[in-house]
């Protein structure tokens, strides 16, 4: 079962920052997940619509200039990363999940993605593109069939599995509160891998592993490795 750092190692570092991504891999994560906004002529790593929760800024993300956003403190002196900077954090044996929070123009977004991939010298097969907006994913898959896409859902319905297969998704990302062993079985029977968010408790980790879940998004990668692989770690989470 893959251990995916949710916005990096976000219990120990400011979420969605380069520090959080580097720490996640230091803690033994197989992959990282982060959120992105399309902004002007680039893609930035950020989660919220508003700035105040995770930065020293105020107001809406989309109302700020790129220069102003890049000067904000995202915690402990960290800045809001460019997508290309985030991709540089990925070790050769790891991968990442890019979740799209905002997309204004698909063709422009794909060009920006191509530039980030080239700049970071990372291969596209190490990227998983996901979103709750399946129209965006459909458009992306149409223009870049080789990209791997993942369908996000917060509900437990057979339709979510049907919808994911209809858009040629490879993975289904499901909320912890609604996942069941039957859901995992049905998704696997449809050819989908199942990733569950957000999983920080040891009993949940063990139960999901027993159900055959393919990966978990967690804020505590070191703790997940300890629970799932019995590996001690200096950053071990005891919560």
Protein backbone atom coordinates (compact mmCIF):
# COMPACT_ATOMS: atom_id res chain seq x y z
CA UNK A 1 0.00 0.00 0.00
CA UNK A 2 1.55 3.27 -1.13
CA UNK A 3 2.16 5.99 1.44
CA UNK A 4 1.43 9.40 -0.09
CA UNK A 5 2.38 12.56 1.78
CA UNK A 6 -0.79 14.68 1.91
CA UNK A 7 0.39 18.16 0.94
CA UNK A 8 3.77 16.77 1.93
CA UNK A 9 4.60 15.88 5.53
CA UNK A 10 2.06 18.47 6.60
CA UNK A 11 1.94 17.61 10.29
CA UNK A 12 5.61 18.50 10.66
CA UNK A 13 6.08 21.18 8.00
CA UNK A 14 3.91 23.94 6.45
CA UNK A 15 1.56 22.27 3.99
CA UNK A 16 2.16 22.50 0.25
CA UNK A 17 5.70 23.86 0.65
CA UNK A 18 9.02 22.55 -0.58
CA UNK A 19 9.99 21.87 3.02
CA UNK A 20 6.92 19.65 3.46
CA UNK A 21 7.66 17.75 0.25
CA UNK A 22 11.29 17.12 1.12
CA UNK A 23 10.33 16.04 4.64
CA UNK A 24 7.72 13.60 3.30
CA UNK A 25 10.34 11.77 1.28
CA UNK A 26 12.77 11.95 4.20
CA UNK A 27 10.09 10.19 6.26
CA UNK A 28 9.79 7.43 3.67
CA UNK A 29 6.78 8.45 1.59
CA UNK A 30 6.40 6.71 -1.76
CA UNK A 31 4.83 9.83 -3.24
CA UNK A 32 3.53 13.28 -2.42
CA UNK A 33 0.22 14.94 -3.19
CA UNK A 34 -0.20 18.68 -3.62
CA UNK A 35 -2.81 21.15 -4.83
CA UNK A 36 -2.44 23.55 -7.74
CA UNK A 37 -3.92 26.76 -9.08
CA UNK A 38 -3.47 28.06 -12.58
CA UNK A 39 -2.37 31.68 -12.18
CA UNK A 40 -1.48 33.95 -15.10
CA UNK A 41 1.18 32.11 -17.12
CA UNK A 42 2.18 29.54 -14.52
CA UNK A 43 0.94 26.89 -12.09
CA UNK A 44 1.32 27.48 -8.36
CA UNK A 45 1.05 25.01 -5.49
CA UNK A 46 -1.73 26.11 -3.12
CA UNK A 47 -4.93 24.71 -1.64
CA UNK A 48 -7.35 27.37 -0.39
CA UNK A 49 -9.34 30.05 -2.16
CA UNK A 50 -8.18 32.52 0.49
CA UNK A 51 -4.68 33.30 1.69
CA UNK A 52 -5.01 33.81 5.44
CA UNK A 53 -5.02 30.20 6.71
CA UNK A 54 -1.62 29.16 5.39
CA UNK A 55 0.18 32.44 4.64
CA UNK A 56 0.65 35.92 6.08
CA UNK A 57 -1.51 37.30 3.26
CA UNK A 58 -5.15 38.35 3.13
CA UNK A 59 -7.86 38.17 0.50
CA UNK A 60 -8.49 35.76 -2.33
CA UNK A 61 -5.69 33.86 -4.00
CA UNK A 62 -6.89 34.74 -7.50
CA UNK A 63 -6.96 38.48 -6.76
CA UNK A 64 -3.24 38.64 -5.94
CA UNK A 65 -0.47 39.17 -8.47
CA UNK A 66 2.10 36.46 -9.04
CA UNK A 67 4.81 38.69 -7.58
CA UNK A 68 2.78 39.33 -4.42
CA UNK A 69 1.97 35.64 -3.99
CA UNK A 70 5.61 34.67 -4.34
CA UNK A 71 6.59 37.13 -1.61
CA UNK A 72 4.16 35.74 0.98
CA UNK A 73 5.38 33.67 3.91
CA UNK A 74 3.74 30.25 3.68
CA UNK A 75 5.09 29.25 7.10
CA UNK A 76 8.58 29.12 8.63
CA UNK A 77 9.93 31.32 5.85
CA UNK A 78 8.65 29.07 3.07
CA UNK A 79 7.13 30.52 -0.10
CA UNK A 80 4.27 29.38 -2.32
CA UNK A 81 6.03 27.04 -4.78
CA UNK A 82 5.89 26.96 -8.53
CA UNK A 83 4.89 23.58 -9.95
CA UNK A 84 8.36 23.22 -11.46
CA UNK A 85 9.92 23.72 -8.02
CA UNK A 86 7.66 21.09 -6.48
CA UNK A 87 8.55 18.57 -9.18
CA UNK A 88 12.25 19.08 -8.44
CA UNK A 89 11.64 17.61 -4.96
CA UNK A 90 10.69 14.19 -6.32
CA UNK A 91 13.40 11.52 -5.98
CA UNK A 92 14.09 9.24 -8.92
CA UNK A 93 12.23 6.33 -7.33
CA UNK A 94 9.14 8.33 -6.31
CA UNK A 95 6.10 9.95 -7.92
CA UNK A 96 3.59 12.70 -7.24
CA UNK A 97 -0.12 13.42 -7.40
CA UNK A 98 -0.99 16.86 -8.78
CA UNK A 99 -4.50 17.81 -7.70
CA UNK A 100 -6.08 20.59 -9.74
CA UNK A 101 -8.02 23.17 -7.73
CA UNK A 102 -8.28 25.79 -10.46
CA UNK A 103 -7.99 25.50 -14.23
CA UNK A 104 -8.98 28.35 -16.53
CA UNK A 105 -7.73 27.08 -19.89
CA UNK A 106 -6.86 23.43 -20.49
CA UNK A 107 -4.50 23.96 -23.42
CA UNK A 108 -2.62 26.68 -21.58
CA UNK A 109 -2.48 24.52 -18.44
CA UNK A 110 -1.01 21.63 -20.42
CA UNK A 111 1.62 23.91 -21.93
CA UNK A 112 2.49 25.11 -18.43
CA UNK A 113 2.68 21.51 -17.24
CA UNK A 114 4.99 20.63 -20.15
CA UNK A 115 7.29 23.53 -19.22
CA UNK A 116 7.38 22.43 -15.58
CA UNK A 117 8.15 18.83 -16.56
CA UNK A 118 10.96 19.97 -18.84
CA UNK A 119 12.37 22.36 -16.25
CA UNK A 120 12.34 19.72 -13.50
CA UNK A 121 13.50 16.94 -15.84
CA UNK A 122 10.85 14.58 -14.55
CA UNK A 123 9.05 12.07 -16.77
CA UNK A 124 5.31 12.35 -17.22
CA UNK A 125 4.80 8.73 -16.19
CA UNK A 126 5.71 9.70 -12.62
CA UNK A 127 2.79 12.11 -12.42
CA UNK A 128 -0.82 11.43 -11.46
CA UNK A 129 -3.25 14.25 -12.29
CA UNK A 130 -6.41 14.34 -10.17
CA UNK A 131 -9.41 16.57 -9.52
CA UNK A 132 -12.99 16.60 -8.30
CA UNK A 133 -13.79 18.27 -11.62
CA UNK A 134 -14.06 15.37 -14.04
CA UNK A 135 -14.68 17.67 -17.01
CA UNK A 136 -11.15 19.01 -16.60
CA UNK A 137 -9.77 15.48 -16.40
CA UNK A 138 -11.67 14.43 -19.52
CA UNK A 139 -10.24 17.37 -21.44
CA UNK A 140 -6.71 16.69 -20.20
CA UNK A 141 -6.93 13.02 -21.15
CA UNK A 142 -8.23 13.96 -24.60
CA UNK A 143 -5.24 16.21 -25.30
CA UNK A 144 -2.62 14.11 -23.47
CA UNK A 145 -3.74 10.45 -23.57
CA UNK A 146 -0.46 9.32 -22.01
CA UNK A 147 -1.09 11.22 -18.77
CA UNK A 148 -2.44 9.21 -15.83
CA UNK A 149 -5.55 10.70 -14.25
CA UNK A 150 -7.31 10.05 -10.96
CA UNK A 151 -10.95 10.80 -10.15
CA UNK A 152 -11.68 12.32 -6.75
CA UNK A 153 -14.95 11.58 -4.97
CA UNK A 154 -16.33 12.25 -1.51
CA UNK A 155 -19.34 9.95 -1.89
CA UNK A 156 -19.98 6.22 -1.85
CA UNK A 157 -21.99 5.42 -4.95
CA UNK A 158 -21.62 2.96 -7.77
CA UNK A 159 -21.86 5.96 -10.09
CA UNK A 160 -18.49 7.26 -8.92
CA UNK A 161 -16.85 4.06 -10.14
CA UNK A 162 -18.74 4.19 -13.44
CA UNK A 163 -17.84 7.86 -13.87
CA UNK A 164 -14.15 7.19 -13.18
CA UNK A 165 -13.95 4.43 -15.78
CA UNK A 166 -15.88 6.55 -18.28
CA UNK A 167 -13.17 9.23 -18.23
CA UNK A 168 -10.37 6.63 -18.46
CA UNK A 169 -9.16 7.28 -14.92
CA UNK A 170 -6.62 4.84 -13.52
CA UNK A 171 -7.26 5.65 -9.87
CA UNK A 172 -10.22 6.55 -7.67
CA UNK A 173 -9.52 8.80 -4.69
CA UNK A 174 -12.08 8.24 -1.95
CA UNK A 175 -12.76 9.91 1.41
CA UNK A 176 -11.96 7.83 4.49
CA UNK A 177 -15.46 8.40 5.89
CA UNK A 178 -17.18 6.62 3.01
CA UNK A 179 -14.77 3.85 1.97
CA UNK A 180 -15.89 0.25 2.51
CA UNK A 181 -14.40 -3.13 1.56
CA UNK A 182 -17.20 -3.57 -0.98
CA UNK A 183 -16.31 -0.26 -2.59
CA UNK A 184 -12.67 -1.32 -2.86
CA UNK A 185 -13.71 -4.65 -4.39
CA UNK A 186 -16.03 -3.02 -6.93
CA UNK A 187 -13.41 -0.44 -7.93
CA UNK A 188 -10.77 -3.13 -8.37
CA UNK A 189 -13.17 -5.19 -10.46
CA UNK A 190 -13.57 -2.12 -12.68
CA UNK A 191 -9.80 -1.92 -13.10
CA UNK A 192 -9.29 1.06 -10.78
CA UNK A 193 -6.72 1.51 -8.05
CA UNK A 194 -8.13 2.95 -4.82
CA UNK A 195 -6.42 5.72 -2.86
CA UNK A 196 -8.00 6.92 0.40
CA UNK A 197 -7.74 10.37 2.02
CA UNK A 198 -6.84 11.52 4.69
CA UNK A 199 -5.54 8.67 6.88
CA UNK A 200 -3.54 9.45 10.04
CA UNK A 201 -4.79 6.85 12.55
CA UNK A 202 -3.05 3.49 12.92
CA UNK A 203 -6.27 1.44 13.10
CA UNK A 204 -7.53 3.03 9.88
CA UNK A 205 -4.21 2.30 8.18
CA UNK A 206 -4.27 -1.36 9.15
CA UNK A 207 -7.92 -1.79 8.21
CA UNK A 208 -7.46 -0.21 4.79
CA UNK A 209 -4.43 -2.38 4.16
CA UNK A 210 -6.51 -5.47 5.00
CA UNK A 211 -9.13 -4.35 2.48
CA UNK A 212 -6.56 -4.17 -0.30
CA UNK A 213 -6.51 -0.39 -0.67
CA UNK A 214 -3.69 0.64 -3.01
CA UNK A 215 -2.57 3.81 -1.27
CA UNK A 216 -3.32 6.31 1.49
CA UNK A 217 -2.89 10.05 1.69
CA UNK A 218 -1.45 10.88 5.10
CA UNK A 219 -0.07 13.88 6.94
CA UNK A 220 2.33 11.60 8.84
CA UNK A 221 4.38 9.43 6.44
CA UNK A 222 6.87 8.32 9.11
CA UNK A 223 4.08 7.08 11.35
CA UNK A 224 2.47 5.27 8.40
CA UNK A 225 5.74 3.49 7.65
CA UNK A 226 6.02 2.49 11.29
CA UNK A 227 2.49 1.07 11.32
CA UNK A 228 2.56 -0.63 7.93
CA UNK A 229 6.19 -1.72 7.74
CA UNK A 230 7.25 -1.73 11.40
CA UNK A 231 9.97 0.79 10.63
CA UNK A 232 11.23 3.11 13.38
CA UNK A 233 11.93 6.68 12.38
CA UNK A 234 13.39 9.70 14.20
CA UNK A 235 10.36 11.75 13.13
CA UNK A 236 7.93 9.14 14.47
CA UNK A 237 4.49 10.53 15.22
CA UNK A 238 3.08 9.30 18.53
CA UNK A 239 -0.45 10.74 18.18
